[in-house]
PDB file of N, CA and C in Angstrom:
ATOM      1  N   MET A   1       0.810  -1.192   0.000  1.00  0.00           N
ATOM      2  CA  MET A   1       0.000   0.000   0.000  1.00  0.00           C
ATOM      3  C   MET A   1       0.854   1.257   0.000  1.00  0.00           C
ATOM      4  N   ALA A   2       1.869   1.344   0.870  1.00  0.00           N
ATOM      5  CA  ALA A   2       2.678   2.541   0.994  1.00  0.00           C
ATOM      6  C   ALA A   2       3.385   2.894  -0.315  1.00  0.00           C
ATOM      7  N   ALA A   3       3.691   1.914  -1.136  1.00  0.00           N
ATOM      8  CA  ALA A   3       4.381   2.174  -2.398  1.00  0.00           C
ATOM      9  C   ALA A   3       3.503   2.981  -3.351  1.00  0.00           C
ATOM     10  N   ASP A   4       2.193   2.947  -3.174  1.00  0.00           N
ATOM     11  CA  ASP A   4       1.268   3.664  -4.050  1.00  0.00           C
ATOM     12  C   ASP A   4       1.012   5.094  -3.595  1.00  0.00           C
ATOM     13  N   LEU A   5       1.547   5.516  -2.452  1.00  0.00           N
ATOM     14  CA  LEU A   5       1.254   6.832  -1.891  1.00  0.00           C
ATOM     15  C   LEU A   5       2.307   7.850  -2.290  1.00  0.00           C
ATOM     16  N   ASP A   6       1.859   9.101  -2.539  1.00  0.00           N
ATOM     17  CA  ASP A   6       2.842  10.163  -2.713  1.00  0.00           C
ATOM     18  C   ASP A   6       3.348  10.572  -1.331  1.00  0.00           C
ATOM     19  N   GLU A   7       4.331  11.440  -1.276  1.00  0.00           N
ATOM     20  CA  GLU A   7       4.973  11.768   0.004  1.00  0.00           C
ATOM     21  C   GLU A   7       3.990  12.342   1.020  1.00  0.00           C
ATOM     22  N   TYR A   8       3.116  13.246   0.596  1.00  0.00           N
ATOM     23  CA  TYR A   8       2.144  13.832   1.513  1.00  0.00           C
ATOM     24  C   TYR A   8       1.240  12.759   2.106  1.00  0.00           C
ATOM     25  N   ASP A   9       0.677  11.912   1.257  1.00  0.00           N
ATOM     26  CA  ASP A   9      -0.224  10.863   1.735  1.00  0.00           C
ATOM     27  C   ASP A   9       0.503   9.854   2.621  1.00  0.00           C
ATOM     28  N   TYR A  10       1.752   9.564   2.294  1.00  0.00           N
ATOM     29  CA  TYR A  10       2.558   8.668   3.113  1.00  0.00           C
ATOM     30  C   TYR A  10       2.752   9.248   4.520  1.00  0.00           C
ATOM     31  N   LEU A  11       3.122  10.523   4.588  1.00  0.00           N
ATOM     32  CA  LEU A  11       3.326  11.165   5.886  1.00  0.00           C
ATOM     33  C   LEU A  11       2.019  11.271   6.661  1.00  0.00           C
ATOM     34  N   ARG A  12       0.941  11.536   5.967  1.00  0.00           N
ATOM     35  CA  ARG A  12      -0.367  11.601   6.622  1.00  0.00           C
ATOM     36  C   ARG A  12      -0.736  10.233   7.190  1.00  0.00           C
ATOM     37  N   ARG A  13      -0.469   9.182   6.443  1.00  0.00           N
ATOM     38  CA  ARG A  13      -0.735   7.811   6.911  1.00  0.00           C
ATOM     39  C   ARG A  13       0.084   7.506   8.165  1.00  0.00           C
ATOM     40  N   LEU A  14       1.347   7.908   8.160  1.00  0.00           N
ATOM     41  CA  LEU A  14       2.185   7.706   9.345  1.00  0.00           C
ATOM     42  C   LEU A  14       1.627   8.462  10.552  1.00  0.00           C
ATOM     43  N   GLU A  15       1.157   9.670  10.325  1.00  0.00           N
ATOM     44  CA  GLU A  15       0.568  10.458  11.406  1.00  0.00           C
ATOM     45  C   GLU A  15      -0.661   9.759  11.982  1.00  0.00           C
ATOM     46  N   LEU A  16      -1.517   9.267  11.134  1.00  0.00           N
ATOM     47  CA  LEU A  16      -2.721   8.575  11.601  1.00  0.00           C
ATOM     48  C   LEU A  16      -2.377   7.296  12.358  1.00  0.00           C
ATOM     49  N   LEU A  17      -1.378   6.558  11.868  1.00  0.00           N
ATOM     50  CA  LEU A  17      -0.948   5.350  12.575  1.00  0.00           C
ATOM     51  C   LEU A  17      -0.336   5.690  13.932  1.00  0.00           C
ATOM     52  N   ALA A  18       0.416   6.785  14.004  1.00  0.00           N
ATOM     53  CA  ALA A  18       0.998   7.207  15.283  1.00  0.00           C
ATOM     54  C   ALA A  18      -0.099   7.558  16.271  1.00  0.00           C
ATOM     55  N   ARG A  19      -1.135   8.245  15.818  1.00  0.00           N
ATOM     56  CA  ARG A  19      -2.254   8.580  16.710  1.00  0.00           C
ATOM     57  C   ARG A  19      -2.969   7.319  17.189  1.00  0.00           C
ATOM     58  N   GLU A  20      -3.162   6.377  16.286  1.00  0.00           N
ATOM     59  CA  GLU A  20      -3.787   5.111  16.656  1.00  0.00           C
ATOM     60  C   GLU A  20      -2.934   4.367  17.684  1.00  0.00           C
ATOM     61  N   LEU A  21      -1.622   4.378  17.485  1.00  0.00           N
ATOM     62  CA  LEU A  21      -0.698   3.748  18.426  1.00  0.00           C
ATOM     63  C   LEU A  21      -0.817   4.379  19.812  1.00  0.00           C
ATOM     64  N   VAL A  22      -0.821   5.698  19.875  1.00  0.00           N
ATOM     65  CA  VAL A  22      -0.922   6.403  21.149  1.00  0.00           C
ATOM     66  C   VAL A  22      -2.262   6.129  21.819  1.00  0.00           C
ATOM     67  N   ASN A  23      -3.334   6.160  21.059  1.00  0.00           N
ATOM     68  CA  ASN A  23      -4.661   5.886  21.631  1.00  0.00           C
ATOM     69  C   ASN A  23      -4.742   4.466  22.184  1.00  0.00           C
ATOM     70  N   SER A  24      -4.202   3.506  21.461  1.00  0.00           N
ATOM     71  CA  SER A  24      -4.204   2.121  21.940  1.00  0.00           C
ATOM     72  C   SER A  24      -3.350   1.981  23.192  1.00  0.00           C
ATOM     73  N   ALA A  25      -2.186   2.626  23.192  1.00  0.00           N
ATOM     74  CA  ALA A  25      -1.312   2.577  24.371  1.00  0.00           C
ATOM     75  C   ALA A  25      -1.992   3.201  25.580  1.00  0.00           C
ATOM     76  N   HIS A  26      -2.706   4.288  25.368  1.00  0.00           N
ATOM     77  CA  HIS A  26      -3.430   4.938  26.470  1.00  0.00           C
ATOM     78  C   HIS A  26      -4.497   4.006  27.042  1.00  0.00           C
ATOM     79  N   ARG A  27      -5.262   3.377  26.154  1.00  0.00           N
ATOM     80  CA  ARG A  27      -6.313   2.449  26.617  1.00  0.00           C
ATOM     81  C   ARG A  27      -5.739   1.279  27.403  1.00  0.00           C
ATOM     82  N   GLU A  28      -4.517   0.864  27.059  1.00  0.00           N
ATOM     83  CA  GLU A  28      -3.884  -0.268  27.744  1.00  0.00           C
ATOM     84  C   GLU A  28      -3.031   0.158  28.943  1.00  0.00           C
ATOM     85  N   GLY A  29      -3.046   1.452  29.272  1.00  0.00           N
ATOM     86  CA  GLY A  29      -2.339   1.934  30.447  1.00  0.00           C
ATOM     87  C   GLY A  29      -0.841   2.095  30.277  1.00  0.00           C
ATOM     88  N   TRP A  30      -0.373   2.237  29.046  1.00  0.00           N
ATOM     89  CA  TRP A  30       1.062   2.367  28.788  1.00  0.00           C
ATOM     90  C   TRP A  30       1.599   3.769  29.028  1.00  0.00           C
ATOM     91  N   LEU A  31       0.773   4.781  29.014  1.00  0.00           N
ATOM     92  CA  LEU A  31       1.258   6.157  28.988  1.00  0.00           C
ATOM     93  C   LEU A  31       1.381   6.783  30.370  1.00  0.00           C
ATOM     94  N   ASP A  32       1.795   5.998  31.335  1.00  0.00           N
ATOM     95  CA  ASP A  32       1.911   6.520  32.686  1.00  0.00           C
ATOM     96  C   ASP A  32       3.345   6.738  33.123  1.00  0.00           C
ATOM     97  N   SER A  33       4.315   6.454  32.280  1.00  0.00           N
ATOM     98  CA  SER A  33       5.710   6.620  32.681  1.00  0.00           C
ATOM     99  C   SER A  33       6.204   8.018  32.314  1.00  0.00           C
ATOM    100  N   GLU A  34       7.002   8.587  33.181  1.00  0.00           N
ATOM    101  CA  GLU A  34       7.599   9.899  32.968  1.00  0.00           C
ATOM    102  C   GLU A  34       8.914   9.741  32.205  1.00  0.00           C
ATOM    103  N   PRO A  35       9.349  10.796  31.524  1.00  0.00           N
ATOM    104  CA  PRO A  35      10.654  10.716  30.858  1.00  0.00           C
ATOM    105  C   PRO A  35      11.745  10.375  31.875  1.00  0.00           C
ATOM    106  N   GLY A  36      12.642   9.496  31.501  1.00  0.00           N
ATOM    107  CA  GLY A  36      13.735   9.109  32.377  1.00  0.00           C
ATOM    108  C   GLY A  36      13.390   8.010  33.357  1.00  0.00           C
ATOM    109  N   THR A  37      12.180   7.464  33.293  1.00  0.00           N
ATOM    110  CA  THR A  37      11.787   6.385  34.190  1.00  0.00           C
ATOM    111  C   THR A  37      12.634   5.155  33.899  1.00  0.00           C
ATOM    112  N   GLU A  38      13.203   4.578  34.941  1.00  0.00           N
ATOM    113  CA  GLU A  38      14.048   3.397  34.760  1.00  0.00           C
ATOM    114  C   GLU A  38      13.188   2.150  34.600  1.00  0.00           C
ATOM    115  N   GLY A  39      13.729   1.172  33.908  1.00  0.00           N
ATOM    116  CA  GLY A  39      13.046  -0.097  33.739  1.00  0.00           C
ATOM    117  C   GLY A  39      12.014  -0.103  32.621  1.00  0.00           C
ATOM    118  N   VAL A  40      11.914   0.993  31.884  1.00  0.00           N
ATOM    119  CA  VAL A  40      10.966   1.074  30.775  1.00  0.00           C
ATOM    120  C   VAL A  40      11.654   0.544  29.523  1.00  0.00           C
ATOM    121  N   THR A  41      10.948  -0.281  28.762  1.00  0.00           N
ATOM    122  CA  THR A  41      11.533  -0.852  27.547  1.00  0.00           C
ATOM    123  C   THR A  41      11.718   0.223  26.472  1.00  0.00           C
ATOM    124  N   PRO A  42      12.610  -0.010  25.521  1.00  0.00           N
ATOM    125  CA  PRO A  42      12.785   0.944  24.426  1.00  0.00           C
ATOM    126  C   PRO A  42      11.479   1.190  23.652  1.00  0.00           C
ATOM    127  N   LEU A  43      10.681   0.149  23.462  1.00  0.00           N
ATOM    128  CA  LEU A  43       9.405   0.319  22.766  1.00  0.00           C
ATOM    129  C   LEU A  43       8.494   1.267  23.531  1.00  0.00           C
ATOM    130  N   ARG A  44       8.385   1.050  24.815  1.00  0.00           N
ATOM    131  CA  ARG A  44       7.511   1.893  25.638  1.00  0.00           C
ATOM    132  C   ARG A  44       8.019   3.333  25.683  1.00  0.00           C
ATOM    133  N   ARG A  45       9.342   3.511  25.748  1.00  0.00           N
ATOM    134  CA  ARG A  45       9.923   4.855  25.716  1.00  0.00           C
ATOM    135  C   ARG A  45       9.570   5.561  24.410  1.00  0.00           C
ATOM    136  N   THR A  46       9.629   4.836  23.314  1.00  0.00           N
ATOM    137  CA  THR A  46       9.310   5.402  22.003  1.00  0.00           C
ATOM    138  C   THR A  46       7.844   5.779  21.912  1.00  0.00           C
ATOM    139  N   VAL A  47       6.962   4.922  22.390  1.00  0.00           N
ATOM    140  CA  VAL A  47       5.524   5.225  22.381  1.00  0.00           C
ATOM    141  C   VAL A  47       5.253   6.458  23.243  1.00  0.00           C
ATOM    142  N   ASP A  48       5.882   6.541  24.408  1.00  0.00           N
ATOM    143  CA  ASP A  48       5.722   7.715  25.269  1.00  0.00           C
ATOM    144  C   ASP A  48       6.185   8.983  24.560  1.00  0.00           C
ATOM    145  N   GLU A  49       7.304   8.905  23.852  1.00  0.00           N
ATOM    146  CA  GLU A  49       7.821  10.067  23.133  1.00  0.00           C
ATOM    147  C   GLU A  49       6.868  10.488  22.018  1.00  0.00           C
ATOM    148  N   ILE A  50       6.318   9.536  21.296  1.00  0.00           N
ATOM    149  CA  ILE A  50       5.337   9.850  20.253  1.00  0.00           C
ATOM    150  C   ILE A  50       4.121  10.530  20.878  1.00  0.00           C
ATOM    151  N   ALA A  51       3.683  10.053  22.025  1.00  0.00           N
ATOM    152  CA  ALA A  51       2.519  10.634  22.699  1.00  0.00           C
ATOM    153  C   ALA A  51       2.784  12.067  23.143  1.00  0.00           C
ATOM    154  N   ARG A  52       4.019  12.373  23.526  1.00  0.00           N
ATOM    155  CA  ARG A  52       4.354  13.730  23.970  1.00  0.00           C
ATOM    156  C   ARG A  52       4.553  14.690  22.798  1.00  0.00           C
ATOM    157  N   THR A  53       4.713  14.177  21.597  1.00  0.00           N
ATOM    158  CA  THR A  53       4.969  15.021  20.428  1.00  0.00           C
ATOM    159  C   THR A  53       3.659  15.609  19.930  1.00  0.00           C
ATOM    160  N   LYS A  54       3.635  16.908  19.868  1.00  0.00           N
ATOM    161  CA  LYS A  54       2.439  17.620  19.408  1.00  0.00           C
ATOM    162  C   LYS A  54       2.775  18.374  18.127  1.00  0.00           C
ATOM    163  N   PRO A  55       1.817  18.478  17.213  1.00  0.00           N
ATOM    164  CA  PRO A  55       2.075  19.245  16.001  1.00  0.00           C
ATOM    165  C   PRO A  55       2.220  20.730  16.346  1.00  0.00           C
ATOM    166  N   SER A  56       3.071  21.434  15.613  1.00  0.00           N
ATOM    167  CA  SER A  56       3.226  22.873  15.842  1.00  0.00           C
ATOM    168  C   SER A  56       2.057  23.604  15.218  1.00  0.00           C
ATOM    169  N   ARG A  57       1.702  24.704  15.820  1.00  0.00           N
ATOM    170  CA  ARG A  57       0.602  25.532  15.305  1.00  0.00           C
ATOM    171  C   ARG A  57       1.195  26.612  14.404  1.00  0.00           C
ATOM    172  N   SER A  58       0.601  26.793  13.237  1.00  0.00           N
ATOM    173  CA  SER A  58       1.078  27.833  12.309  1.00  0.00           C
ATOM    174  C   SER A  58       0.378  29.132  12.550  1.00  0.00           C
TER     175      SER A  58
END
């Protein structure tokens, strides 16, 4: 599927998947760790970072 998308649509698809990932992580209780929390897996750290990333306002 991704091979058929132009750059804008590809980036938009990634954005939507990231939002879905964050929403699923929130529902499963993953988003409770603070930055620098020890014992957190690299995957969980990455999901937390994606959740903290907000689009800039123009």
